[in-house]
Amino acid sequence: MTMTEDTGVKLGGAPGSRGRTTVADVVVEKIAGMAARDVLGVHALGSGFARSMGSVRERMPGSDSGKSVRRGVSVEVGERQAAIDLEIVVDYGVSITDVAGAVRENVISAVERMAGREVVEVNILVSDVKLPDEEDEGEERQRIQ
């Protein structure tokens, strides 16, 4: 009778399950930001002030272009779950509840598929509505034709 020592090492486990995958908050922020922007009726993410400050910053050399995708998005990411807060500006005339529902579905689908985290909640703050004749804050008016 031979004694074998249990070293705790499992042989033959699926290679994909050997080790841990960590997803950074910034990854989930970018996924959620892109997914929210893809919804018809979402004019922009973030408040008007944040957008105007961001557009000034983005024109500066060496600015982080990834920040604009994350503007208006904050997340909490755990090992298995994520919670997401979004601030959006909607186009005038759309149903805000329909747009918010579509944003929620799109964000949950994208984050769960791409980041492998169960999304426990997507909170949406509609901070403004873009009127048809209203210029975006931060847009420069062309003064000379």
N, C-alpha and C. Protein backbone atom coordinates (compact mmCIF):
# COMPACT_ATOMS: atom_id res chain seq x y z
N MET A 1 0.85 -1.16 0.00
CA MET A 1 0.00 0.00 0.00
C MET A 1 0.90 1.24 0.00
N THR A 2 0.67 2.10 -0.99
CA THR A 2 1.49 3.30 -1.07
C THR A 2 0.70 4.51 -0.58
N MET A 3 1.39 5.41 0.08
CA MET A 3 0.77 6.64 0.57
C MET A 3 1.03 7.75 -0.45
N THR A 4 0.00 8.49 -0.76
CA THR A 4 0.19 9.63 -1.65
C THR A 4 -0.11 10.90 -0.87
N GLU A 5 0.70 11.89 -1.11
CA GLU A 5 0.54 13.15 -0.40
C GLU A 5 -0.40 14.05 -1.22
N ASP A 6 -1.38 14.65 -0.54
CA ASP A 6 -2.30 15.57 -1.21
C ASP A 6 -1.65 16.95 -1.21
N THR A 7 -1.21 17.38 -2.39
CA THR A 7 -0.53 18.67 -2.47
C THR A 7 -1.51 19.81 -2.74
N GLY A 8 -2.76 19.49 -2.95
CA GLY A 8 -3.74 20.54 -3.22
C GLY A 8 -3.78 20.95 -4.69
N VAL A 9 -2.92 20.36 -5.50
CA VAL A 9 -2.89 20.70 -6.92
C VAL A 9 -3.82 19.77 -7.66
N LYS A 10 -4.78 20.36 -8.38
CA LYS A 10 -5.69 19.56 -9.18
C LYS A 10 -5.13 19.45 -10.58
N LEU A 11 -4.90 18.25 -11.01
CA LEU A 11 -4.44 18.04 -12.37
C LEU A 11 -5.64 17.76 -13.25
N GLY A 12 -5.56 18.19 -14.47
CA GLY A 12 -6.63 17.90 -15.41
C GLY A 12 -7.76 18.91 -15.40
N GLY A 13 -7.66 19.94 -14.59
CA GLY A 13 -8.68 21.00 -14.62
C GLY A 13 -8.60 21.74 -15.95
N ALA A 14 -9.70 22.33 -16.37
CA ALA A 14 -9.71 23.07 -17.62
C ALA A 14 -8.68 24.20 -17.57
N PRO A 15 -7.84 24.33 -18.62
CA PRO A 15 -6.82 25.39 -18.61
C PRO A 15 -7.40 26.78 -18.38
N GLY A 16 -8.60 27.02 -18.87
CA GLY A 16 -9.21 28.34 -18.72
C GLY A 16 -9.58 28.68 -17.29
N SER A 17 -9.61 27.67 -16.40
CA SER A 17 -10.01 27.92 -15.01
C SER A 17 -8.80 27.95 -14.06
N ARG A 18 -7.62 27.87 -14.60
CA ARG A 18 -6.42 27.88 -13.76
C ARG A 18 -5.90 29.31 -13.64
N GLY A 19 -6.26 29.95 -12.56
CA GLY A 19 -5.84 31.33 -12.34
C GLY A 19 -7.05 32.23 -12.18
N ARG A 20 -6.79 33.50 -11.88
CA ARG A 20 -7.87 34.45 -11.62
C ARG A 20 -7.79 35.58 -12.63
N THR A 21 -8.93 36.04 -13.10
CA THR A 21 -9.00 37.18 -14.00
C THR A 21 -9.58 38.36 -13.24
N THR A 22 -8.86 39.46 -13.24
CA THR A 22 -9.32 40.67 -12.58
C THR A 22 -9.65 41.70 -13.65
N VAL A 23 -10.82 42.32 -13.53
CA VAL A 23 -11.24 43.34 -14.48
C VAL A 23 -11.21 44.69 -13.77
N ALA A 24 -10.42 45.62 -14.28
CA ALA A 24 -10.29 46.94 -13.67
C ALA A 24 -11.57 47.75 -13.87
N ASP A 25 -11.83 48.66 -12.93
CA ASP A 25 -13.01 49.52 -13.02
C ASP A 25 -13.06 50.27 -14.34
N VAL A 26 -11.91 50.76 -14.80
CA VAL A 26 -11.87 51.55 -16.03
C VAL A 26 -12.38 50.75 -17.23
N VAL A 27 -12.15 49.45 -17.23
CA VAL A 27 -12.62 48.59 -18.32
C VAL A 27 -14.15 48.57 -18.34
N VAL A 28 -14.75 48.37 -17.17
CA VAL A 28 -16.21 48.34 -17.07
C VAL A 28 -16.79 49.72 -17.39
N GLU A 29 -16.10 50.78 -16.95
CA GLU A 29 -16.56 52.14 -17.27
C GLU A 29 -16.62 52.37 -18.77
N LYS A 30 -15.58 51.94 -19.48
CA LYS A 30 -15.54 52.13 -20.94
C LYS A 30 -16.62 51.30 -21.63
N ILE A 31 -16.78 50.05 -21.22
CA ILE A 31 -17.80 49.19 -21.82
C ILE A 31 -19.19 49.80 -21.61
N ALA A 32 -19.47 50.22 -20.37
CA ALA A 32 -20.77 50.81 -20.05
C ALA A 32 -20.99 52.11 -20.80
N GLY A 33 -19.97 52.94 -20.90
CA GLY A 33 -20.07 54.21 -21.61
C GLY A 33 -20.37 54.01 -23.08
N MET A 34 -19.67 53.09 -23.71
CA MET A 34 -19.91 52.81 -25.13
C MET A 34 -21.30 52.24 -25.34
N ALA A 35 -21.71 51.32 -24.48
CA ALA A 35 -23.02 50.68 -24.62
C ALA A 35 -24.15 51.70 -24.44
N ALA A 36 -23.99 52.63 -23.50
CA ALA A 36 -25.01 53.66 -23.27
C ALA A 36 -25.11 54.61 -24.46
N ARG A 37 -23.97 54.99 -25.02
CA ARG A 37 -23.96 55.91 -26.17
C ARG A 37 -24.60 55.30 -27.41
N ASP A 38 -24.59 53.98 -27.51
CA ASP A 38 -25.16 53.29 -28.67
C ASP A 38 -26.68 53.35 -28.72
N VAL A 39 -27.32 53.78 -27.63
CA VAL A 39 -28.78 53.78 -27.56
C VAL A 39 -29.34 55.04 -28.22
N LEU A 40 -30.29 54.84 -29.12
CA LEU A 40 -30.95 55.95 -29.80
C LEU A 40 -31.67 56.81 -28.77
N GLY A 41 -31.47 58.11 -28.83
CA GLY A 41 -32.09 59.03 -27.88
C GLY A 41 -31.13 59.53 -26.83
N VAL A 42 -29.97 58.86 -26.68
CA VAL A 42 -28.94 59.34 -25.76
C VAL A 42 -28.09 60.34 -26.54
N HIS A 43 -28.14 61.59 -26.12
CA HIS A 43 -27.36 62.62 -26.81
C HIS A 43 -25.91 62.59 -26.35
N ALA A 44 -25.71 62.43 -25.04
CA ALA A 44 -24.35 62.44 -24.47
C ALA A 44 -24.39 61.86 -23.07
N LEU A 45 -23.21 61.58 -22.54
CA LEU A 45 -23.08 61.17 -21.15
C LEU A 45 -22.39 62.29 -20.38
N GLY A 46 -22.78 62.47 -19.14
CA GLY A 46 -22.21 63.51 -18.30
C GLY A 46 -23.05 64.77 -18.35
N SER A 47 -22.84 65.64 -17.39
CA SER A 47 -23.58 66.91 -17.34
C SER A 47 -23.03 67.86 -18.39
N GLY A 48 -23.77 68.90 -18.70
CA GLY A 48 -23.31 69.89 -19.66
C GLY A 48 -21.97 70.49 -19.27
N PHE A 49 -21.79 70.80 -17.98
CA PHE A 49 -20.54 71.39 -17.51
C PHE A 49 -19.37 70.41 -17.70
N ALA A 50 -19.59 69.15 -17.33
CA ALA A 50 -18.53 68.15 -17.48
C ALA A 50 -18.17 67.96 -18.95
N ARG A 51 -19.19 68.01 -19.82
CA ARG A 51 -18.92 67.85 -21.25
C ARG A 51 -18.13 69.03 -21.79
N SER A 52 -18.47 70.26 -21.38
CA SER A 52 -17.75 71.43 -21.90
C SER A 52 -16.31 71.44 -21.39
N MET A 53 -16.10 71.08 -20.13
CA MET A 53 -14.73 71.01 -19.61
C MET A 53 -13.95 69.91 -20.31
N GLY A 54 -14.62 68.80 -20.58
CA GLY A 54 -13.98 67.68 -21.26
C GLY A 54 -13.58 68.03 -22.68
N SER A 55 -14.43 68.78 -23.39
CA SER A 55 -14.11 69.12 -24.77
C SER A 55 -12.92 70.07 -24.83
N VAL A 56 -12.77 70.92 -23.83
CA VAL A 56 -11.59 71.79 -23.76
C VAL A 56 -10.36 70.94 -23.50
N ARG A 57 -10.46 70.01 -22.53
CA ARG A 57 -9.33 69.14 -22.18
C ARG A 57 -8.91 68.26 -23.35
N GLU A 58 -9.89 67.76 -24.12
CA GLU A 58 -9.57 66.84 -25.21
C GLU A 58 -8.79 67.50 -26.32
N ARG A 59 -8.89 68.83 -26.44
CA ARG A 59 -8.15 69.54 -27.49
C ARG A 59 -6.71 69.79 -27.08
N MET A 60 -6.39 69.53 -25.82
CA MET A 60 -5.03 69.75 -25.33
C MET A 60 -4.16 68.58 -25.73
N PRO A 61 -2.91 68.85 -26.17
CA PRO A 61 -2.02 67.76 -26.56
C PRO A 61 -1.77 66.80 -25.39
N GLY A 62 -1.71 65.53 -25.69
CA GLY A 62 -1.40 64.53 -24.67
C GLY A 62 -2.55 64.20 -23.75
N SER A 63 -3.77 64.66 -24.09
CA SER A 63 -4.90 64.35 -23.21
C SER A 63 -5.30 62.90 -23.38
N ASP A 64 -5.90 62.34 -22.35
CA ASP A 64 -6.32 60.94 -22.36
C ASP A 64 -7.67 60.83 -23.07
N SER A 65 -7.64 60.34 -24.31
CA SER A 65 -8.88 60.26 -25.09
C SER A 65 -9.89 59.30 -24.46
N GLY A 66 -9.44 58.34 -23.68
CA GLY A 66 -10.34 57.39 -23.05
C GLY A 66 -11.24 58.01 -22.00
N LYS A 67 -10.88 59.19 -21.51
CA LYS A 67 -11.69 59.84 -20.48
C LYS A 67 -13.05 60.25 -21.00
N SER A 68 -13.14 60.64 -22.28
CA SER A 68 -14.44 61.09 -22.80
C SER A 68 -15.43 59.93 -22.84
N VAL A 69 -14.97 58.73 -23.07
CA VAL A 69 -15.85 57.56 -23.08
C VAL A 69 -16.38 57.29 -21.68
N ARG A 70 -15.58 57.61 -20.67
CA ARG A 70 -15.95 57.31 -19.28
C ARG A 70 -16.69 58.46 -18.61
N ARG A 71 -16.77 59.63 -19.25
CA ARG A 71 -17.44 60.77 -18.63
C ARG A 71 -18.90 60.42 -18.36
N GLY A 72 -19.36 60.70 -17.14
CA GLY A 72 -20.74 60.40 -16.79
C GLY A 72 -20.97 58.96 -16.34
N VAL A 73 -19.88 58.21 -16.19
CA VAL A 73 -19.98 56.79 -15.80
C VAL A 73 -19.16 56.56 -14.53
N SER A 74 -19.77 55.92 -13.53
CA SER A 74 -18.99 55.46 -12.39
C SER A 74 -19.44 54.05 -12.06
N VAL A 75 -18.50 53.24 -11.61
CA VAL A 75 -18.79 51.83 -11.38
C VAL A 75 -18.17 51.35 -10.08
N GLU A 76 -18.74 50.27 -9.57
CA GLU A 76 -18.12 49.48 -8.51
C GLU A 76 -18.03 48.07 -9.05
N VAL A 77 -16.82 47.52 -9.08
CA VAL A 77 -16.63 46.20 -9.67
C VAL A 77 -16.05 45.26 -8.61
N GLY A 78 -16.73 44.14 -8.42
CA GLY A 78 -16.22 43.11 -7.51
C GLY A 78 -15.72 41.93 -8.32
N GLU A 79 -15.48 40.81 -7.63
CA GLU A 79 -14.98 39.62 -8.33
C GLU A 79 -16.03 39.01 -9.25
N ARG A 80 -17.32 39.14 -8.86
CA ARG A 80 -18.38 38.52 -9.66
C ARG A 80 -19.48 39.49 -10.08
N GLN A 81 -19.53 40.67 -9.47
CA GLN A 81 -20.63 41.58 -9.72
C GLN A 81 -20.14 42.99 -10.00
N ALA A 82 -21.03 43.79 -10.61
CA ALA A 82 -20.73 45.20 -10.86
C ALA A 82 -22.00 46.02 -10.67
N ALA A 83 -21.82 47.25 -10.19
CA ALA A 83 -22.92 48.22 -10.09
C ALA A 83 -22.47 49.46 -10.87
N ILE A 84 -23.40 50.04 -11.61
CA ILE A 84 -23.05 51.12 -12.54
C ILE A 84 -23.97 52.31 -12.34
N ASP A 85 -23.39 53.51 -12.30
CA ASP A 85 -24.14 54.76 -12.26
C ASP A 85 -23.82 55.54 -13.53
N LEU A 86 -24.88 56.01 -14.20
CA LEU A 86 -24.71 56.76 -15.43
C LEU A 86 -25.42 58.10 -15.33
N GLU A 87 -24.82 59.13 -15.89
CA GLU A 87 -25.46 60.42 -16.02
C GLU A 87 -25.59 60.69 -17.52
N ILE A 88 -26.83 60.85 -18.01
CA ILE A 88 -27.04 61.00 -19.44
C ILE A 88 -27.81 62.28 -19.77
N VAL A 89 -27.62 62.72 -21.01
CA VAL A 89 -28.40 63.79 -21.61
C VAL A 89 -29.17 63.16 -22.75
N VAL A 90 -30.49 63.36 -22.76
CA VAL A 90 -31.32 62.76 -23.81
C VAL A 90 -31.71 63.81 -24.85
N ASP A 91 -32.05 63.33 -26.04
CA ASP A 91 -32.55 64.21 -27.10
C ASP A 91 -33.98 64.59 -26.78
N TYR A 92 -34.35 65.83 -27.11
CA TYR A 92 -35.71 66.30 -26.90
C TYR A 92 -36.68 65.46 -27.72
N GLY A 93 -37.81 65.11 -27.12
CA GLY A 93 -38.87 64.40 -27.83
C GLY A 93 -38.90 62.90 -27.60
N VAL A 94 -37.82 62.34 -27.04
CA VAL A 94 -37.81 60.90 -26.80
C VAL A 94 -38.50 60.60 -25.47
N SER A 95 -38.96 59.36 -25.33
CA SER A 95 -39.50 58.91 -24.05
C SER A 95 -38.32 58.60 -23.13
N ILE A 96 -38.19 59.40 -22.07
CA ILE A 96 -37.07 59.22 -21.16
C ILE A 96 -37.09 57.83 -20.52
N THR A 97 -38.27 57.34 -20.16
CA THR A 97 -38.33 56.01 -19.53
C THR A 97 -37.93 54.92 -20.53
N ASP A 98 -38.33 55.07 -21.79
CA ASP A 98 -37.93 54.09 -22.81
C ASP A 98 -36.42 54.11 -23.04
N VAL A 99 -35.86 55.32 -23.15
CA VAL A 99 -34.41 55.45 -23.36
C VAL A 99 -33.65 54.87 -22.17
N ALA A 100 -34.09 55.20 -20.95
CA ALA A 100 -33.42 54.68 -19.76
C ALA A 100 -33.48 53.15 -19.72
N GLY A 101 -34.64 52.59 -20.07
CA GLY A 101 -34.76 51.13 -20.10
C GLY A 101 -33.84 50.50 -21.13
N ALA A 102 -33.75 51.13 -22.30
CA ALA A 102 -32.88 50.60 -23.37
C ALA A 102 -31.40 50.73 -22.97
N VAL A 103 -31.06 51.82 -22.31
CA VAL A 103 -29.68 52.00 -21.84
C VAL A 103 -29.35 50.91 -20.83
N ARG A 104 -30.26 50.69 -19.88
CA ARG A 104 -30.05 49.66 -18.86
C ARG A 104 -29.82 48.29 -19.52
N GLU A 105 -30.69 47.92 -20.46
CA GLU A 105 -30.55 46.62 -21.14
C GLU A 105 -29.23 46.51 -21.88
N ASN A 106 -28.87 47.57 -22.63
CA ASN A 106 -27.65 47.53 -23.43
C ASN A 106 -26.40 47.45 -22.56
N VAL A 107 -26.38 48.22 -21.48
CA VAL A 107 -25.23 48.24 -20.58
C VAL A 107 -25.09 46.90 -19.88
N ILE A 108 -26.19 46.38 -19.36
CA ILE A 108 -26.14 45.08 -18.66
C ILE A 108 -25.65 43.99 -19.61
N SER A 109 -26.20 43.95 -20.81
CA SER A 109 -25.81 42.94 -21.79
C SER A 109 -24.32 43.03 -22.12
N ALA A 110 -23.84 44.26 -22.39
CA ALA A 110 -22.43 44.43 -22.78
C ALA A 110 -21.48 44.08 -21.64
N VAL A 111 -21.77 44.56 -20.43
CA VAL A 111 -20.87 44.31 -19.30
C VAL A 111 -20.86 42.83 -18.93
N GLU A 112 -22.03 42.21 -18.92
CA GLU A 112 -22.06 40.79 -18.56
C GLU A 112 -21.36 39.93 -19.62
N ARG A 113 -21.53 40.29 -20.89
CA ARG A 113 -20.91 39.51 -21.97
C ARG A 113 -19.41 39.74 -22.02
N MET A 114 -18.99 41.00 -21.95
CA MET A 114 -17.57 41.31 -22.16
C MET A 114 -16.73 41.19 -20.89
N ALA A 115 -17.28 41.59 -19.75
CA ALA A 115 -16.48 41.60 -18.51
C ALA A 115 -16.78 40.41 -17.61
N GLY A 116 -17.83 39.65 -17.93
CA GLY A 116 -18.14 38.47 -17.13
C GLY A 116 -18.56 38.79 -15.71
N ARG A 117 -19.17 39.96 -15.51
CA ARG A 117 -19.65 40.33 -14.18
C ARG A 117 -21.15 40.46 -14.21
N GLU A 118 -21.82 39.92 -13.19
CA GLU A 118 -23.27 40.10 -13.08
C GLU A 118 -23.52 41.55 -12.70
N VAL A 119 -24.34 42.24 -13.48
CA VAL A 119 -24.66 43.63 -13.17
C VAL A 119 -25.86 43.65 -12.23
N VAL A 120 -25.65 44.11 -11.01
CA VAL A 120 -26.71 44.08 -10.00
C VAL A 120 -27.62 45.30 -10.11
N GLU A 121 -27.08 46.43 -10.62
CA GLU A 121 -27.93 47.60 -10.83
C GLU A 121 -27.27 48.57 -11.79
N VAL A 122 -28.12 49.28 -12.53
CA VAL A 122 -27.68 50.38 -13.39
C VAL A 122 -28.57 51.57 -13.02
N ASN A 123 -28.00 52.53 -12.30
CA ASN A 123 -28.73 53.73 -11.89
C ASN A 123 -28.48 54.81 -12.93
N ILE A 124 -29.55 55.47 -13.37
CA ILE A 124 -29.44 56.47 -14.42
C ILE A 124 -29.98 57.80 -13.93
N LEU A 125 -29.15 58.84 -14.05
CA LEU A 125 -29.56 60.21 -13.79
C LEU A 125 -29.67 60.91 -15.14
N VAL A 126 -30.87 61.37 -15.49
CA VAL A 126 -31.04 62.17 -16.70
C VAL A 126 -30.85 63.62 -16.26
N SER A 127 -29.71 64.21 -16.62
CA SER A 127 -29.35 65.53 -16.10
C SER A 127 -29.72 66.67 -17.04
N ASP A 128 -30.08 66.34 -18.30
CA ASP A 128 -30.41 67.42 -19.23
C ASP A 128 -31.13 66.82 -20.44
N VAL A 129 -31.76 67.72 -21.20
CA VAL A 129 -32.38 67.33 -22.46
C VAL A 129 -31.83 68.26 -23.53
N LYS A 130 -31.41 67.69 -24.65
CA LYS A 130 -30.83 68.46 -25.75
C LYS A 130 -31.95 68.94 -26.65
N LEU A 131 -32.16 70.26 -26.69
CA LEU A 131 -33.19 70.85 -27.54
C LEU A 131 -32.68 70.93 -28.97
N PRO A 132 -33.58 70.87 -29.96
CA PRO A 132 -33.15 70.84 -31.37
C PRO A 132 -32.29 72.03 -31.78
N ASP A 133 -32.57 73.23 -31.27
CA ASP A 133 -31.83 74.42 -31.69
C ASP A 133 -30.72 74.81 -30.72
N GLU A 134 -30.44 73.94 -29.76
CA GLU A 134 -29.47 74.25 -28.71
C GLU A 134 -28.09 73.74 -29.11
N GLU A 135 -27.09 74.61 -28.98
CA GLU A 135 -25.71 74.16 -29.24
C GLU A 135 -25.22 73.37 -28.04
N ASP A 136 -24.34 72.42 -28.29
CA ASP A 136 -23.70 71.73 -27.18
C ASP A 136 -22.80 72.69 -26.45
N GLU A 137 -22.79 72.59 -25.12
CA GLU A 137 -21.83 73.39 -24.36
C GLU A 137 -20.45 72.90 -24.74
N GLY A 138 -19.56 73.84 -24.96
CA GLY A 138 -18.21 73.46 -25.35
C GLY A 138 -18.01 73.49 -26.85
N GLU A 139 -19.11 73.52 -27.62
CA GLU A 139 -18.97 73.64 -29.07
C GLU A 139 -18.59 75.07 -29.39
N GLU A 140 -17.66 75.25 -30.30
CA GLU A 140 -17.28 76.60 -30.66
C GLU A 140 -18.14 77.08 -31.80
N ARG A 141 -18.70 78.27 -31.65
CA ARG A 141 -19.48 78.87 -32.73
C ARG A 141 -18.55 79.40 -33.79
N GLN A 142 -18.86 79.12 -35.03
CA GLN A 142 -18.08 79.69 -36.11
C GLN A 142 -18.58 81.10 -36.33
N ARG A 143 -17.70 82.08 -36.18
CA ARG A 143 -18.13 83.47 -36.24
C ARG A 143 -18.07 84.03 -37.66
N ILE A 144 -17.24 83.47 -38.50
CA ILE A 144 -17.08 84.01 -39.86
C ILE A 144 -17.45 82.93 -40.85
N GLN A 145 -18.27 83.28 -41.83
CA GLN A 145 -18.68 82.33 -42.88
C GLN A 145 -17.71 82.39 -44.04
